[in-house]
Amino acid sequence: MKREFTAAFLLTVMAVSWAAAAPPASDMDIWKEFLQLLRSGTLTVDWIHPDDPRTRESRLTNLLDWTKDEDWSEWRATPKVVRQDNLVSFIIEVGKKRRAPWTYVFCFTVEGGRWYYRFVEGVFLRLDQVVSLPADASSFPDLSEERKNWMRQEIYWTKIVGLFTEMTRLKGTEYALGFLRDGAEYVQAATSWIPYFPASRAFILYLCWEQARMQGNKVVLEKLTDREAVVRFDDHQFFALYMQTSHLREQIALGDYMGIFEAIWQDRARAAGWNLQIDGQGPTIYLRFSR
């Protein structure tokens, strides 16, 4: 199963109790009909609920693209069902045969005697299991650090992209990029928290720590001298977000999205006294610094 799909990585909170172990036939009928339409390629926009910021067409396209090479034998498992009024959610784990098992929630609404598909989500909180009050929120069901890092990154970059697109509309691209450049502040943080070295070296060490420890990215410092440094990003979440979330691709072109990354890191490098070349292919990105 392709973990890379998320409809928008929206936070799904279901404040209801578990459905019975044997879901009502009407709920399972929804799931079975949905799978039949999906497998046969006959699911149309008429089955997609319109109440969503994304278009029905884009949600349908993303869903069909995501499942086009699917091993449907795994989908025969009975999903867990959560119902609240007219909202029905099906929770199922797929992807074992791809050695990438992942649990997803498929969300539907029932209106006028028929069902509509809303979205599928790969990150969701099992707050339907909170049944008694008062409840200490620190005891609520948790997620892995990997998933929480993803959520933080999605929330942050979605907001940044929204600001960028609006400022570009009002003031132009260069103004919008200038608003996002934070080199002076970033280097100040590096030299304050790593006071033992000159700004150029403190900056390299800080970016590795900040990106790995605070942002949850996979970072490797490959080289560091007074004249040269090489930092490698593997599967950087900034790029993964664009490929794996439909709402970002609808809001901003890939070239403009990459331009945000370039502008931010070029400004940070310049503030620390470095020249920067960004290169890479696929999931691996290199930041090559020189002086």
Foldseek 3Di string as FASTA:
>chain_A
DDPLAFAQQDEADDQAAFDPPDHDPVLVVQVVVVVVCLVVVNDDLVQADCPDPDGSVLQVVSSNVVCVPPDCVQVVDAFGWDDDVFKIKTWGWDDVVVVDIAIKIWIWGDDPNRIHTYTMGRDYFVNNHPDDPPDDVVPGDDDDPVSVLLVVVSVVVVVLLVQQLVCCVVPNNVVSLVVLADQQVLLVVQCVVVVPDASLQSSVVVVQCCCCPVNPWDKDWDDDDPFKTKMKTAQRSLVSSCVHYSVSVVRDPPVSSVVSVVSHVCSNQVSSPWHWDWDDDDRMIMTITGD
